[in-house]
């Protein structure tokens, strides 16, 4: 996984429930971002450093995060995961803003020896702080989904309403 924090959601149990489809749709958005940024990072970091390459790479990162935020905006999560969705949106928006700030700074770089500041300066530090928040959210989301597994014991109780018996098995690949 690249330096972006886009955990992978792996849906373990199928079904048409909104609680099951939202993780799969989030997974699609975040996996697209992660794959694109991994490929671009490999491309950029495999060659000699260049100002133009760095500027292009950070622009691609901004575009990727912009697409991810737009994809997350299109989701209409059920009430059970609305808070997680809202928090994910806030964190992804912070990551986008931090990436935009880094891209803005990168556009001012005029010498190769200034490139270190693109990756280690205050703009990069803001990205790492937002990524740390995303990791915390990932673990909180996994805990929330894991809590539904406790309902599995009630799956065969005939008088229990079906919406209370639903078990959502999701494996988040949290860093």
N, C-alpha and C. Protein backbone atom coordinates (compact mmCIF):
# COMPACT_ATOMS: atom_id res chain seq x y z
N UNK A 1 0.86 -1.17 0.00
CA UNK A 1 0.00 0.00 0.00
C UNK A 1 0.89 1.22 0.00
N UNK A 2 0.50 2.23 -0.72
CA UNK A 2 1.31 3.44 -0.83
C UNK A 2 1.15 4.28 0.43
N UNK A 3 1.70 5.47 0.40
CA UNK A 3 1.65 6.31 1.58
C UNK A 3 0.25 6.87 1.84
N UNK A 4 -0.69 6.66 0.97
CA UNK A 4 -2.05 7.07 1.29
C UNK A 4 -2.65 6.01 2.21
N UNK A 5 -3.59 6.41 3.03
CA UNK A 5 -4.25 5.44 3.87
C UNK A 5 -5.60 5.17 3.25
N UNK A 6 -5.69 4.09 2.58
CA UNK A 6 -6.94 3.66 1.97
C UNK A 6 -7.06 2.18 2.30
N UNK A 7 -7.65 1.90 3.46
CA UNK A 7 -7.71 0.51 3.85
C UNK A 7 -8.58 -0.25 2.88
N UNK A 8 -8.32 -1.50 2.82
CA UNK A 8 -9.08 -2.37 1.93
C UNK A 8 -10.21 -3.02 2.72
N UNK A 9 -11.40 -2.93 2.18
CA UNK A 9 -12.55 -3.55 2.78
C UNK A 9 -12.80 -4.84 2.03
N UNK A 10 -12.81 -5.93 2.71
CA UNK A 10 -13.12 -7.20 2.06
C UNK A 10 -14.42 -7.72 2.65
N UNK A 11 -15.43 -7.77 1.84
CA UNK A 11 -16.72 -8.26 2.29
C UNK A 11 -16.67 -9.78 2.37
N UNK A 12 -16.91 -10.31 3.56
CA UNK A 12 -16.83 -11.74 3.76
C UNK A 12 -18.19 -12.39 3.54
N UNK A 13 -19.26 -11.75 3.97
CA UNK A 13 -20.60 -12.31 3.80
C UNK A 13 -21.33 -11.51 2.73
N UNK A 14 -22.05 -12.21 1.88
CA UNK A 14 -22.76 -11.54 0.79
C UNK A 14 -24.13 -11.08 1.22
N UNK A 15 -24.91 -10.59 0.25
CA UNK A 15 -26.26 -10.16 0.53
C UNK A 15 -26.51 -8.78 -0.03
N UNK A 16 -27.77 -8.36 -0.01
CA UNK A 16 -28.15 -7.08 -0.60
C UNK A 16 -28.36 -6.00 0.45
N UNK A 17 -28.13 -6.29 1.71
CA UNK A 17 -28.36 -5.33 2.77
C UNK A 17 -27.48 -4.10 2.58
N UNK A 18 -28.02 -2.89 2.90
CA UNK A 18 -27.20 -1.69 2.81
C UNK A 18 -25.96 -1.76 3.70
N UNK A 19 -26.07 -2.45 4.83
CA UNK A 19 -24.91 -2.58 5.71
C UNK A 19 -23.82 -3.41 5.05
N UNK A 20 -24.20 -4.24 4.11
CA UNK A 20 -23.21 -5.05 3.40
C UNK A 20 -22.73 -4.36 2.14
N UNK A 21 -23.59 -3.60 1.48
CA UNK A 21 -23.19 -2.99 0.21
C UNK A 21 -22.34 -1.75 0.42
N UNK A 22 -22.54 -1.01 1.48
CA UNK A 22 -21.74 0.20 1.71
C UNK A 22 -20.26 -0.14 1.85
N UNK A 23 -19.86 -1.14 2.67
CA UNK A 23 -18.43 -1.46 2.72
C UNK A 23 -17.86 -1.83 1.36
N UNK A 24 -18.62 -2.55 0.55
CA UNK A 24 -18.13 -2.94 -0.77
C UNK A 24 -17.96 -1.71 -1.66
N UNK A 25 -18.88 -0.76 -1.58
CA UNK A 25 -18.77 0.45 -2.40
C UNK A 25 -17.63 1.34 -1.92
N UNK A 26 -17.45 1.44 -0.61
CA UNK A 26 -16.31 2.21 -0.07
C UNK A 26 -15.02 1.53 -0.51
N UNK A 27 -15.01 0.22 -0.46
CA UNK A 27 -13.82 -0.53 -0.88
C UNK A 27 -13.46 -0.20 -2.31
N UNK A 28 -14.45 -0.15 -3.16
CA UNK A 28 -14.21 0.15 -4.57
C UNK A 28 -13.56 1.52 -4.74
N UNK A 29 -14.07 2.51 -4.04
CA UNK A 29 -13.53 3.87 -4.12
C UNK A 29 -12.09 3.91 -3.60
N UNK A 30 -11.88 3.33 -2.43
CA UNK A 30 -10.56 3.41 -1.81
C UNK A 30 -9.54 2.52 -2.51
N UNK A 31 -9.96 1.38 -3.01
CA UNK A 31 -9.03 0.52 -3.73
C UNK A 31 -8.59 1.16 -5.04
N UNK A 32 -9.51 1.87 -5.71
CA UNK A 32 -9.14 2.58 -6.94
C UNK A 32 -8.08 3.64 -6.63
N UNK A 33 -8.27 4.38 -5.56
CA UNK A 33 -7.29 5.39 -5.15
C UNK A 33 -5.95 4.73 -4.81
N UNK A 34 -6.02 3.69 -4.01
CA UNK A 34 -4.80 3.02 -3.57
C UNK A 34 -4.02 2.46 -4.75
N UNK A 35 -4.71 1.80 -5.67
CA UNK A 35 -4.04 1.21 -6.83
C UNK A 35 -3.39 2.27 -7.70
N UNK A 36 -4.13 3.35 -7.95
CA UNK A 36 -3.58 4.42 -8.78
C UNK A 36 -2.34 5.04 -8.13
N UNK A 37 -2.43 5.33 -6.84
CA UNK A 37 -1.30 5.98 -6.18
C UNK A 37 -0.11 5.04 -6.03
N UNK A 38 -0.36 3.75 -5.82
CA UNK A 38 0.75 2.79 -5.77
C UNK A 38 1.50 2.77 -7.10
N UNK A 39 0.75 2.72 -8.19
CA UNK A 39 1.38 2.67 -9.52
C UNK A 39 2.16 3.96 -9.79
N UNK A 40 1.57 5.07 -9.46
CA UNK A 40 2.24 6.35 -9.71
C UNK A 40 3.47 6.52 -8.81
N UNK A 41 3.38 6.05 -7.57
CA UNK A 41 4.54 6.13 -6.67
C UNK A 41 5.68 5.29 -7.21
N UNK A 42 5.37 4.09 -7.66
CA UNK A 42 6.40 3.22 -8.23
C UNK A 42 7.04 3.90 -9.44
N UNK A 43 6.22 4.49 -10.27
CA UNK A 43 6.73 5.18 -11.45
C UNK A 43 7.62 6.36 -11.07
N UNK A 44 7.15 7.20 -10.15
CA UNK A 44 7.91 8.40 -9.77
C UNK A 44 9.20 8.03 -9.05
N UNK A 45 9.12 7.16 -8.06
CA UNK A 45 10.28 6.88 -7.21
C UNK A 45 11.27 5.90 -7.86
N UNK A 46 10.94 5.34 -9.01
CA UNK A 46 11.87 4.41 -9.66
C UNK A 46 12.94 5.12 -10.48
N UNK A 47 12.72 6.36 -10.78
CA UNK A 47 13.69 7.11 -11.59
C UNK A 47 14.40 8.17 -10.77
N UNK A 48 15.27 8.92 -11.43
CA UNK A 48 15.96 10.00 -10.72
C UNK A 48 14.96 11.11 -10.36
N UNK A 49 15.18 11.77 -9.23
CA UNK A 49 14.26 12.84 -8.83
C UNK A 49 14.26 13.97 -9.86
N UNK A 50 13.08 14.51 -10.08
CA UNK A 50 12.96 15.68 -10.95
C UNK A 50 11.85 16.58 -10.42
N UNK A 51 12.00 17.85 -10.64
CA UNK A 51 10.99 18.81 -10.19
C UNK A 51 9.68 18.55 -10.91
N UNK A 52 9.75 18.38 -12.22
CA UNK A 52 8.53 18.14 -13.00
C UNK A 52 7.85 16.84 -12.58
N UNK A 53 8.64 15.81 -12.33
CA UNK A 53 8.08 14.54 -11.90
C UNK A 53 7.38 14.66 -10.55
N UNK A 54 7.99 15.37 -9.62
CA UNK A 54 7.39 15.56 -8.31
C UNK A 54 6.09 16.35 -8.42
N UNK A 55 6.11 17.40 -9.23
CA UNK A 55 4.91 18.21 -9.40
C UNK A 55 3.78 17.39 -10.03
N UNK A 56 4.11 16.57 -11.01
CA UNK A 56 3.11 15.71 -11.65
C UNK A 56 2.58 14.67 -10.66
N UNK A 57 3.47 14.06 -9.89
CA UNK A 57 3.07 13.04 -8.93
C UNK A 57 2.12 13.61 -7.87
N UNK A 58 2.43 14.78 -7.32
CA UNK A 58 1.54 15.35 -6.30
C UNK A 58 0.22 15.80 -6.92
N UNK A 59 0.23 16.22 -8.19
CA UNK A 59 -1.01 16.58 -8.87
C UNK A 59 -1.89 15.33 -9.04
N UNK A 60 -1.28 14.22 -9.39
CA UNK A 60 -2.02 12.96 -9.53
C UNK A 60 -2.61 12.55 -8.18
N UNK A 61 -1.86 12.75 -7.11
CA UNK A 61 -2.38 12.44 -5.77
C UNK A 61 -3.60 13.30 -5.46
N UNK A 62 -3.54 14.58 -5.79
CA UNK A 62 -4.68 15.47 -5.55
C UNK A 62 -5.89 14.98 -6.35
N UNK A 63 -5.68 14.68 -7.63
CA UNK A 63 -6.78 14.19 -8.46
C UNK A 63 -7.37 12.91 -7.89
N UNK A 64 -6.51 12.01 -7.42
CA UNK A 64 -6.99 10.76 -6.85
C UNK A 64 -7.82 10.98 -5.60
N UNK A 65 -7.35 11.84 -4.71
CA UNK A 65 -8.12 12.12 -3.49
C UNK A 65 -9.40 12.86 -3.82
N UNK A 66 -9.36 13.75 -4.81
CA UNK A 66 -10.58 14.45 -5.22
C UNK A 66 -11.62 13.44 -5.72
N UNK A 67 -11.18 12.48 -6.54
CA UNK A 67 -12.10 11.44 -7.03
C UNK A 67 -12.63 10.59 -5.88
N UNK A 68 -11.77 10.27 -4.90
CA UNK A 68 -12.20 9.45 -3.76
C UNK A 68 -13.24 10.18 -2.93
N UNK A 69 -13.02 11.46 -2.66
CA UNK A 69 -14.00 12.24 -1.88
C UNK A 69 -15.32 12.31 -2.64
N UNK A 70 -15.26 12.53 -3.95
CA UNK A 70 -16.48 12.57 -4.75
C UNK A 70 -17.20 11.22 -4.71
N UNK A 71 -16.45 10.13 -4.77
CA UNK A 71 -17.06 8.80 -4.69
C UNK A 71 -17.71 8.55 -3.34
N UNK A 72 -17.07 8.98 -2.28
CA UNK A 72 -17.63 8.81 -0.94
C UNK A 72 -18.88 9.68 -0.78
N UNK A 73 -18.86 10.87 -1.42
CA UNK A 73 -20.03 11.76 -1.37
C UNK A 73 -21.28 11.12 -1.97
N UNK A 74 -21.10 10.23 -2.94
CA UNK A 74 -22.26 9.64 -3.62
C UNK A 74 -22.93 8.55 -2.79
N UNK A 75 -22.29 8.09 -1.74
CA UNK A 75 -22.86 7.02 -0.93
C UNK A 75 -23.97 7.55 -0.03
N UNK A 76 -24.96 6.75 0.16
CA UNK A 76 -26.06 7.07 1.07
C UNK A 76 -26.12 5.94 2.10
N UNK A 77 -25.29 6.05 3.15
CA UNK A 77 -25.20 4.92 4.08
C UNK A 77 -26.43 4.78 4.97
N UNK A 78 -26.70 3.55 5.40
CA UNK A 78 -27.78 3.36 6.37
C UNK A 78 -27.38 3.98 7.71
N UNK A 79 -28.37 4.18 8.54
CA UNK A 79 -28.13 4.83 9.83
C UNK A 79 -27.05 4.13 10.66
N UNK A 80 -26.96 2.79 10.54
CA UNK A 80 -26.02 2.02 11.34
C UNK A 80 -24.57 2.43 11.09
N UNK A 81 -24.25 2.92 9.90
CA UNK A 81 -22.87 3.29 9.59
C UNK A 81 -22.75 4.75 9.18
N UNK A 82 -23.79 5.54 9.42
CA UNK A 82 -23.76 6.96 9.02
C UNK A 82 -22.63 7.72 9.71
N UNK A 83 -22.40 7.45 11.00
CA UNK A 83 -21.32 8.16 11.70
C UNK A 83 -19.96 7.80 11.13
N UNK A 84 -19.75 6.52 10.82
CA UNK A 84 -18.49 6.11 10.20
C UNK A 84 -18.31 6.78 8.85
N UNK A 85 -19.37 6.83 8.07
CA UNK A 85 -19.32 7.46 6.75
C UNK A 85 -18.96 8.94 6.89
N UNK A 86 -19.61 9.62 7.81
CA UNK A 86 -19.35 11.05 8.02
C UNK A 86 -17.89 11.27 8.44
N UNK A 87 -17.41 10.43 9.33
CA UNK A 87 -16.02 10.56 9.78
C UNK A 87 -15.05 10.26 8.65
N UNK A 88 -15.35 9.22 7.87
CA UNK A 88 -14.50 8.90 6.72
C UNK A 88 -14.47 10.08 5.75
N UNK A 89 -15.62 10.68 5.50
CA UNK A 89 -15.68 11.83 4.60
C UNK A 89 -14.82 12.98 5.14
N UNK A 90 -14.93 13.25 6.43
CA UNK A 90 -14.14 14.34 7.03
C UNK A 90 -12.64 14.07 6.90
N UNK A 91 -12.23 12.84 7.16
CA UNK A 91 -10.80 12.51 7.09
C UNK A 91 -10.31 12.57 5.64
N UNK A 92 -11.09 12.04 4.72
CA UNK A 92 -10.69 12.09 3.31
C UNK A 92 -10.63 13.54 2.82
N UNK A 93 -11.53 14.38 3.30
CA UNK A 93 -11.49 15.80 2.94
C UNK A 93 -10.24 16.47 3.50
N UNK A 94 -9.86 16.10 4.73
CA UNK A 94 -8.60 16.62 5.31
C UNK A 94 -7.40 16.16 4.49
N UNK A 95 -7.41 14.89 4.09
CA UNK A 95 -6.32 14.38 3.26
C UNK A 95 -6.25 15.12 1.93
N UNK A 96 -7.41 15.38 1.32
CA UNK A 96 -7.44 16.12 0.06
C UNK A 96 -6.87 17.52 0.26
N UNK A 97 -7.30 18.22 1.32
CA UNK A 97 -6.79 19.58 1.58
C UNK A 97 -5.28 19.55 1.80
N UNK A 98 -4.80 18.57 2.55
CA UNK A 98 -3.37 18.47 2.81
C UNK A 98 -2.60 18.18 1.52
N UNK A 99 -3.15 17.30 0.67
CA UNK A 99 -2.52 17.01 -0.62
C UNK A 99 -2.52 18.25 -1.51
N UNK A 100 -3.60 19.01 -1.49
CA UNK A 100 -3.65 20.26 -2.27
C UNK A 100 -2.60 21.25 -1.78
N UNK A 101 -2.42 21.34 -0.46
CA UNK A 101 -1.39 22.23 0.09
C UNK A 101 0.01 21.78 -0.35
N UNK A 102 0.25 20.47 -0.32
CA UNK A 102 1.55 19.98 -0.75
C UNK A 102 1.76 20.27 -2.24
N UNK A 103 0.73 20.07 -3.04
CA UNK A 103 0.85 20.35 -4.48
C UNK A 103 1.11 21.83 -4.72
N UNK A 104 0.47 22.67 -3.94
CA UNK A 104 0.70 24.11 -4.07
C UNK A 104 2.15 24.44 -3.74
N UNK A 105 2.66 23.86 -2.66
CA UNK A 105 4.07 24.08 -2.32
C UNK A 105 4.98 23.51 -3.40
N UNK A 106 4.68 22.31 -3.87
CA UNK A 106 5.53 21.67 -4.89
C UNK A 106 5.61 22.53 -6.15
N UNK A 107 4.55 23.26 -6.45
CA UNK A 107 4.57 24.10 -7.65
C UNK A 107 5.54 25.27 -7.53
N UNK A 108 6.00 25.54 -6.30
CA UNK A 108 6.95 26.64 -6.10
C UNK A 108 8.40 26.17 -6.09
N UNK A 109 8.61 24.87 -6.08
CA UNK A 109 9.96 24.31 -6.04
C UNK A 109 10.67 24.62 -7.36
N UNK A 110 11.90 25.11 -7.23
CA UNK A 110 12.66 25.46 -8.43
C UNK A 110 14.00 24.74 -8.52
N UNK A 111 14.36 23.99 -7.47
CA UNK A 111 15.65 23.29 -7.47
C UNK A 111 15.47 21.90 -6.89
N UNK A 112 16.26 20.96 -7.40
CA UNK A 112 16.19 19.56 -6.95
C UNK A 112 16.39 19.46 -5.44
N UNK A 113 17.29 20.26 -4.88
CA UNK A 113 17.56 20.15 -3.44
C UNK A 113 16.39 20.64 -2.58
N UNK A 114 15.38 21.23 -3.18
CA UNK A 114 14.18 21.64 -2.44
C UNK A 114 13.12 20.52 -2.39
N UNK A 115 13.33 19.47 -3.16
CA UNK A 115 12.33 18.40 -3.23
C UNK A 115 12.10 17.71 -1.89
N UNK A 116 13.13 17.62 -1.06
CA UNK A 116 12.96 16.99 0.25
C UNK A 116 11.84 17.65 1.04
N UNK A 117 11.68 18.94 0.89
CA UNK A 117 10.63 19.65 1.63
C UNK A 117 9.23 19.25 1.15
N UNK A 118 9.12 18.79 -0.10
CA UNK A 118 7.83 18.32 -0.60
C UNK A 118 7.39 17.09 0.20
N UNK A 119 8.36 16.22 0.52
CA UNK A 119 8.04 14.95 1.20
C UNK A 119 8.19 15.03 2.72
N UNK A 120 8.92 16.01 3.22
CA UNK A 120 9.21 16.07 4.66
C UNK A 120 8.76 17.37 5.32
N UNK A 121 8.28 18.33 4.58
CA UNK A 121 7.89 19.63 5.13
C UNK A 121 6.57 19.59 5.87
N UNK A 122 6.10 20.76 6.29
CA UNK A 122 4.85 20.84 7.06
C UNK A 122 3.63 20.31 6.29
N UNK A 123 3.64 20.46 4.97
CA UNK A 123 2.53 19.95 4.17
C UNK A 123 2.47 18.43 4.25
N UNK A 124 3.63 17.80 4.16
CA UNK A 124 3.70 16.33 4.26
C UNK A 124 3.34 15.88 5.68
N UNK A 125 3.72 16.65 6.66
CA UNK A 125 3.38 16.32 8.05
C UNK A 125 1.87 16.36 8.26
N UNK A 126 1.19 17.31 7.64
CA UNK A 126 -0.28 17.38 7.74
C UNK A 126 -0.92 16.14 7.11
N UNK A 127 -0.33 15.66 6.02
CA UNK A 127 -0.84 14.43 5.39
C UNK A 127 -0.66 13.25 6.33
N UNK A 128 0.51 13.14 6.95
CA UNK A 128 0.74 12.02 7.88
C UNK A 128 -0.22 12.08 9.07
N UNK A 129 -0.54 13.28 9.55
CA UNK A 129 -1.49 13.41 10.67
C UNK A 129 -2.89 12.94 10.25
N UNK A 130 -3.31 13.32 9.05
CA UNK A 130 -4.62 12.87 8.56
C UNK A 130 -4.63 11.36 8.32
N UNK A 131 -3.51 10.83 7.84
CA UNK A 131 -3.41 9.38 7.65
C UNK A 131 -3.52 8.65 8.98
N UNK A 132 -2.93 9.21 10.03
CA UNK A 132 -3.03 8.59 11.36
C UNK A 132 -4.49 8.56 11.82
N UNK A 133 -5.23 9.62 11.54
CA UNK A 133 -6.67 9.63 11.86
C UNK A 133 -7.40 8.54 11.09
N UNK A 134 -7.03 8.37 9.84
CA UNK A 134 -7.68 7.35 9.01
C UNK A 134 -7.42 5.95 9.56
N UNK A 135 -6.23 5.72 10.07
CA UNK A 135 -5.90 4.42 10.65
C UNK A 135 -6.76 4.16 11.89
N UNK A 136 -6.91 5.18 12.72
CA UNK A 136 -7.76 5.05 13.92
C UNK A 136 -9.19 4.75 13.51
N UNK A 137 -9.70 5.45 12.48
CA UNK A 137 -11.05 5.20 12.00
C UNK A 137 -11.19 3.78 11.47
N UNK A 138 -10.19 3.31 10.77
CA UNK A 138 -10.23 1.96 10.23
C UNK A 138 -10.41 0.94 11.35
N UNK A 139 -9.65 1.09 12.42
CA UNK A 139 -9.75 0.15 13.54
C UNK A 139 -11.10 0.29 14.26
N UNK A 140 -11.62 1.52 14.36
CA UNK A 140 -12.93 1.72 14.97
C UNK A 140 -14.02 1.07 14.12
N UNK A 141 -13.91 1.22 12.81
CA UNK A 141 -14.89 0.61 11.91
C UNK A 141 -14.84 -0.91 12.02
N UNK A 142 -13.64 -1.46 12.08
CA UNK A 142 -13.52 -2.92 12.21
C UNK A 142 -14.19 -3.38 13.50
N UNK A 143 -14.00 -2.64 14.58
CA UNK A 143 -14.64 -3.00 15.85
C UNK A 143 -16.16 -2.97 15.73
N UNK A 144 -16.67 -1.96 15.04
CA UNK A 144 -18.12 -1.85 14.89
C UNK A 144 -18.66 -3.02 14.07
N UNK A 145 -17.99 -3.38 12.98
CA UNK A 145 -18.44 -4.51 12.19
C UNK A 145 -18.27 -5.83 12.95
N UNK A 146 -17.19 -5.94 13.71
CA UNK A 146 -16.97 -7.15 14.50
C UNK A 146 -18.09 -7.35 15.52
N UNK A 147 -18.64 -6.26 16.04
CA UNK A 147 -19.71 -6.35 17.04
C UNK A 147 -20.93 -7.06 16.47
N UNK A 148 -21.15 -6.95 15.17
CA UNK A 148 -22.31 -7.64 14.58
C UNK A 148 -22.12 -9.15 14.59
N UNK A 149 -20.89 -9.61 14.65
CA UNK A 149 -20.65 -11.05 14.68
C UNK A 149 -21.23 -11.68 15.93
N UNK A 150 -21.35 -10.90 17.00
CA UNK A 150 -21.93 -11.43 18.23
C UNK A 150 -23.40 -11.81 18.02
N UNK A 151 -24.04 -11.22 17.01
CA UNK A 151 -25.44 -11.54 16.72
C UNK A 151 -25.58 -12.89 16.04
N UNK A 152 -24.50 -13.46 15.56
CA UNK A 152 -24.56 -14.72 14.83
C UNK A 152 -25.22 -15.81 15.66
N UNK A 153 -25.01 -15.79 16.97
CA UNK A 153 -25.62 -16.80 17.85
C UNK A 153 -27.15 -16.72 17.83
N UNK A 154 -27.70 -15.56 17.46
CA UNK A 154 -29.15 -15.37 17.45
C UNK A 154 -29.77 -15.68 16.09
N UNK A 155 -28.96 -16.08 15.14
CA UNK A 155 -29.45 -16.25 13.76
C UNK A 155 -30.58 -17.27 13.65
N UNK A 156 -30.62 -18.27 14.50
CA UNK A 156 -31.65 -19.31 14.40
C UNK A 156 -32.81 -19.11 15.37
N UNK A 157 -32.88 -17.98 16.05
CA UNK A 157 -33.97 -17.72 16.98
C UNK A 157 -35.17 -17.23 16.15
N UNK A 158 -36.26 -18.04 16.10
CA UNK A 158 -37.36 -17.71 15.18
C UNK A 158 -38.12 -16.42 15.52
N UNK A 159 -38.21 -16.03 16.76
CA UNK A 159 -38.98 -14.85 17.13
C UNK A 159 -38.19 -13.55 16.98
N UNK A 160 -36.89 -13.64 16.70
CA UNK A 160 -36.05 -12.44 16.58
C UNK A 160 -36.28 -11.79 15.21
N UNK A 161 -36.59 -10.48 15.18
CA UNK A 161 -36.76 -9.79 13.89
C UNK A 161 -35.48 -9.93 13.05
N UNK A 162 -35.66 -10.10 11.75
CA UNK A 162 -34.52 -10.38 10.87
C UNK A 162 -33.49 -9.26 10.87
N UNK A 163 -33.94 -8.00 11.01
CA UNK A 163 -32.95 -6.91 10.99
C UNK A 163 -32.08 -6.90 12.24
N UNK A 164 -32.52 -7.55 13.30
CA UNK A 164 -31.69 -7.64 14.50
C UNK A 164 -30.75 -8.84 14.45
N UNK A 165 -31.01 -9.75 13.52
CA UNK A 165 -30.17 -10.94 13.40
C UNK A 165 -29.07 -10.76 12.36
N UNK A 166 -29.11 -9.68 11.61
CA UNK A 166 -28.15 -9.52 10.52
C UNK A 166 -26.73 -9.48 11.05
N UNK A 167 -25.89 -10.22 10.40
CA UNK A 167 -24.47 -10.26 10.73
C UNK A 167 -23.71 -9.72 9.54
N UNK A 168 -22.91 -8.71 9.77
CA UNK A 168 -22.10 -8.13 8.71
C UNK A 168 -20.66 -8.49 8.97
N UNK A 169 -20.13 -9.38 8.14
CA UNK A 169 -18.74 -9.79 8.28
C UNK A 169 -17.90 -9.01 7.29
N UNK A 170 -17.05 -8.16 7.81
CA UNK A 170 -16.20 -7.34 6.97
C UNK A 170 -14.79 -7.43 7.53
N UNK A 171 -13.82 -7.65 6.66
CA UNK A 171 -12.41 -7.66 7.09
C UNK A 171 -11.74 -6.43 6.50
N UNK A 172 -11.41 -5.49 7.35
CA UNK A 172 -10.70 -4.30 6.92
C UNK A 172 -9.20 -4.57 7.03
N UNK A 173 -8.49 -4.25 6.02
CA UNK A 173 -7.05 -4.45 6.03
C UNK A 173 -6.40 -3.17 6.58
N UNK A 174 -6.62 -2.92 7.88
CA UNK A 174 -6.10 -1.70 8.50
C UNK A 174 -4.58 -1.79 8.66
N UNK A 175 -3.91 -0.69 8.38
CA UNK A 175 -2.44 -0.68 8.59
C UNK A 175 -2.11 -0.76 10.08
